[in-house]
């Protein structure tokens, strides 16, 4: 695409100043050019907290899964009555 004409000097100066201001001001949630400050949004803090909580639960979860596998193999879990009750509960929620 070809653009005809010359840019207005006033407009180019505004663009240059805006670009410089953008570089000088990192804005919320961004690190400054010196790397001194980072401000996390509320959502980012929530996700960070969830990850930290989940990291502490991983061993417990693995142990529960292993116990459930053993219970299924021994017939203590996933009996016909449990499966029917789960299906009934699911269908009742529809």
C-alpha atoms as a PDB file:
ATOM      1  CA  UNK A   1       0.000   0.000   0.000  1.00  0.00           C
ATOM      2  CA  UNK A   2       1.378   3.406  -0.938  1.00  0.00           C
ATOM      3  CA  UNK A   3       0.670   6.404   1.285  1.00  0.00           C
ATOM      4  CA  UNK A   4       0.842   9.772  -0.412  1.00  0.00           C
ATOM      5  CA  UNK A   5       1.908  12.973   1.245  1.00  0.00           C
ATOM      6  CA  UNK A   6       4.328  13.803   4.015  1.00  0.00           C
ATOM      7  CA  UNK A   7       3.626  13.250   7.678  1.00  0.00           C
ATOM      8  CA  UNK A   8       2.826  16.270   9.761  1.00  0.00           C
ATOM      9  CA  UNK A   9       5.857  17.237  11.907  1.00  0.00           C
ATOM     10  CA  UNK A  10       3.512  17.925  14.807  1.00  0.00           C
ATOM     11  CA  UNK A  11       2.030  14.433  14.611  1.00  0.00           C
ATOM     12  CA  UNK A  12       5.433  12.729  14.415  1.00  0.00           C
ATOM     13  CA  UNK A  13       6.582  14.628  17.481  1.00  0.00           C
ATOM     14  CA  UNK A  14       3.480  13.479  19.386  1.00  0.00           C
ATOM     15  CA  UNK A  15       4.144   9.877  18.354  1.00  0.00           C
ATOM     16  CA  UNK A  16       7.786  10.119  19.454  1.00  0.00           C
ATOM     17  CA  UNK A  17       6.801  11.596  22.828  1.00  0.00           C
ATOM     18  CA  UNK A  18       4.123   8.939  23.336  1.00  0.00           C
ATOM     19  CA  UNK A  19       6.623   6.174  22.537  1.00  0.00           C
ATOM     20  CA  UNK A  20       9.166   7.662  24.947  1.00  0.00           C
ATOM     21  CA  UNK A  21       6.519   7.987  27.674  1.00  0.00           C
ATOM     22  CA  UNK A  22       5.541   4.354  27.133  1.00  0.00           C
ATOM     23  CA  UNK A  23       9.168   3.289  27.584  1.00  0.00           C
ATOM     24  CA  UNK A  24       9.617   5.431  30.690  1.00  0.00           C
ATOM     25  CA  UNK A  25       6.408   4.284  32.420  1.00  0.00           C
ATOM     26  CA  UNK A  26       6.139   0.494  32.726  1.00  0.00           C
ATOM     27  CA  UNK A  27       2.506   0.753  33.821  1.00  0.00           C
ATOM     28  CA  UNK A  28       0.637  -1.598  36.183  1.00  0.00           C
ATOM     29  CA  UNK A  29       1.700  -5.227  36.180  1.00  0.00           C
ATOM     30  CA  UNK A  30       4.952  -4.638  34.297  1.00  0.00           C
ATOM     31  CA  UNK A  31       8.516  -4.544  35.531  1.00  0.00           C
ATOM     32  CA  UNK A  32      10.377  -1.274  35.318  1.00  0.00           C
ATOM     33  CA  UNK A  33      13.380  -1.070  33.022  1.00  0.00           C
ATOM     34  CA  UNK A  34      15.617  -1.523  36.065  1.00  0.00           C
ATOM     35  CA  UNK A  35      13.733  -4.680  37.078  1.00  0.00           C
ATOM     36  CA  UNK A  36      12.922  -3.325  40.533  1.00  0.00           C
ATOM     37  CA  UNK A  37       9.141  -3.667  40.857  1.00  0.00           C
ATOM     38  CA  UNK A  38       6.470  -6.021  39.606  1.00  0.00           C
ATOM     39  CA  UNK A  39       2.827  -5.527  40.548  1.00  0.00           C
ATOM     40  CA  UNK A  40       0.599  -8.573  40.102  1.00  0.00           C
ATOM     41  CA  UNK A  41      -3.053  -8.234  39.257  1.00  0.00           C
ATOM     42  CA  UNK A  42      -5.633  -9.772  41.557  1.00  0.00           C
ATOM     43  CA  UNK A  43      -6.098 -12.630  39.076  1.00  0.00           C
ATOM     44  CA  UNK A  44      -2.357 -13.281  38.896  1.00  0.00           C
ATOM     45  CA  UNK A  45      -2.121 -13.385  42.714  1.00  0.00           C
ATOM     46  CA  UNK A  46      -5.060 -15.823  42.827  1.00  0.00           C
ATOM     47  CA  UNK A  47      -3.399 -18.121  40.274  1.00  0.00           C
ATOM     48  CA  UNK A  48      -0.082 -17.940  42.147  1.00  0.00           C
ATOM     49  CA  UNK A  49      -1.830 -18.906  45.398  1.00  0.00           C
ATOM     50  CA  UNK A  50      -3.642 -21.803  43.701  1.00  0.00           C
ATOM     51  CA  UNK A  51      -0.379 -23.138  42.289  1.00  0.00           C
ATOM     52  CA  UNK A  52       1.305 -22.930  45.673  1.00  0.00           C
ATOM     53  CA  UNK A  53      -1.596 -24.755  47.326  1.00  0.00           C
ATOM     54  CA  UNK A  54      -1.716 -27.427  44.615  1.00  0.00           C
ATOM     55  CA  UNK A  55       2.034 -28.018  44.888  1.00  0.00           C
ATOM     56  CA  UNK A  56       1.596 -28.943  48.546  1.00  0.00           C
ATOM     57  CA  UNK A  57      -1.270 -31.315  47.782  1.00  0.00           C
ATOM     58  CA  UNK A  58       0.346 -33.405  45.055  1.00  0.00           C
ATOM     59  CA  UNK A  59       1.680 -36.139  47.354  1.00  0.00           C
ATOM     60  CA  UNK A  60      -1.676 -36.503  49.112  1.00  0.00           C
ATOM     61  CA  UNK A  61      -3.446 -36.755  45.783  1.00  0.00           C
ATOM     62  CA  UNK A  62      -1.076 -39.470  44.564  1.00  0.00           C
ATOM     63  CA  UNK A  63      -1.630 -41.470  47.726  1.00  0.00           C
ATOM     64  CA  UNK A  64      -5.428 -41.175  47.341  1.00  0.00           C
ATOM     65  CA  UNK A  65      -5.257 -42.329  43.722  1.00  0.00           C
ATOM     66  CA  UNK A  66      -3.135 -45.334  44.645  1.00  0.00           C
ATOM     67  CA  UNK A  67      -5.500 -46.278  47.479  1.00  0.00           C
ATOM     68  CA  UNK A  68      -8.499 -45.959  45.131  1.00  0.00           C
ATOM     69  CA  UNK A  69      -6.797 -48.234  42.586  1.00  0.00           C
ATOM     70  CA  UNK A  70      -6.181 -50.841  45.255  1.00  0.00           C
ATOM     71  CA  UNK A  71      -9.803 -50.573  46.450  1.00  0.00           C
ATOM     72  CA  UNK A  72     -11.077 -51.022  42.883  1.00  0.00           C
ATOM     73  CA  UNK A  73      -8.917 -54.115  42.402  1.00  0.00           C
ATOM     74  CA  UNK A  74     -10.076 -55.609  45.683  1.00  0.00           C
ATOM     75  CA  UNK A  75     -13.743 -54.862  44.935  1.00  0.00           C
ATOM     76  CA  UNK A  76     -14.252 -52.322  47.717  1.00  0.00           C
ATOM     77  CA  UNK A  77     -14.758 -49.409  45.339  1.00  0.00           C
ATOM     78  CA  UNK A  78     -16.844 -49.071  42.189  1.00  0.00           C
ATOM     79  CA  UNK A  79     -19.371 -51.659  43.232  1.00  0.00           C
ATOM     80  CA  UNK A  80     -22.546 -51.939  41.178  1.00  0.00           C
ATOM     81  CA  UNK A  81     -24.503 -50.157  43.905  1.00  0.00           C
ATOM     82  CA  UNK A  82     -22.029 -47.216  43.955  1.00  0.00           C
ATOM     83  CA  UNK A  83     -22.102 -46.887  40.179  1.00  0.00           C
ATOM     84  CA  UNK A  84     -25.907 -46.947  40.144  1.00  0.00           C
ATOM     85  CA  UNK A  85     -26.078 -44.318  42.905  1.00  0.00           C
ATOM     86  CA  UNK A  86     -23.619 -42.086  41.038  1.00  0.00           C
ATOM     87  CA  UNK A  87     -25.598 -42.456  37.794  1.00  0.00           C
ATOM     88  CA  UNK A  88     -28.850 -41.662  39.596  1.00  0.00           C
ATOM     89  CA  UNK A  89     -27.312 -38.569  41.180  1.00  0.00           C
ATOM     90  CA  UNK A  90     -25.978 -37.416  37.826  1.00  0.00           C
ATOM     91  CA  UNK A  91     -29.294 -37.912  36.070  1.00  0.00           C
ATOM     92  CA  UNK A  92     -31.183 -36.150  38.864  1.00  0.00           C
ATOM     93  CA  UNK A  93     -29.008 -33.089  38.313  1.00  0.00           C
ATOM     94  CA  UNK A  94     -30.003 -32.816  34.657  1.00  0.00           C
END
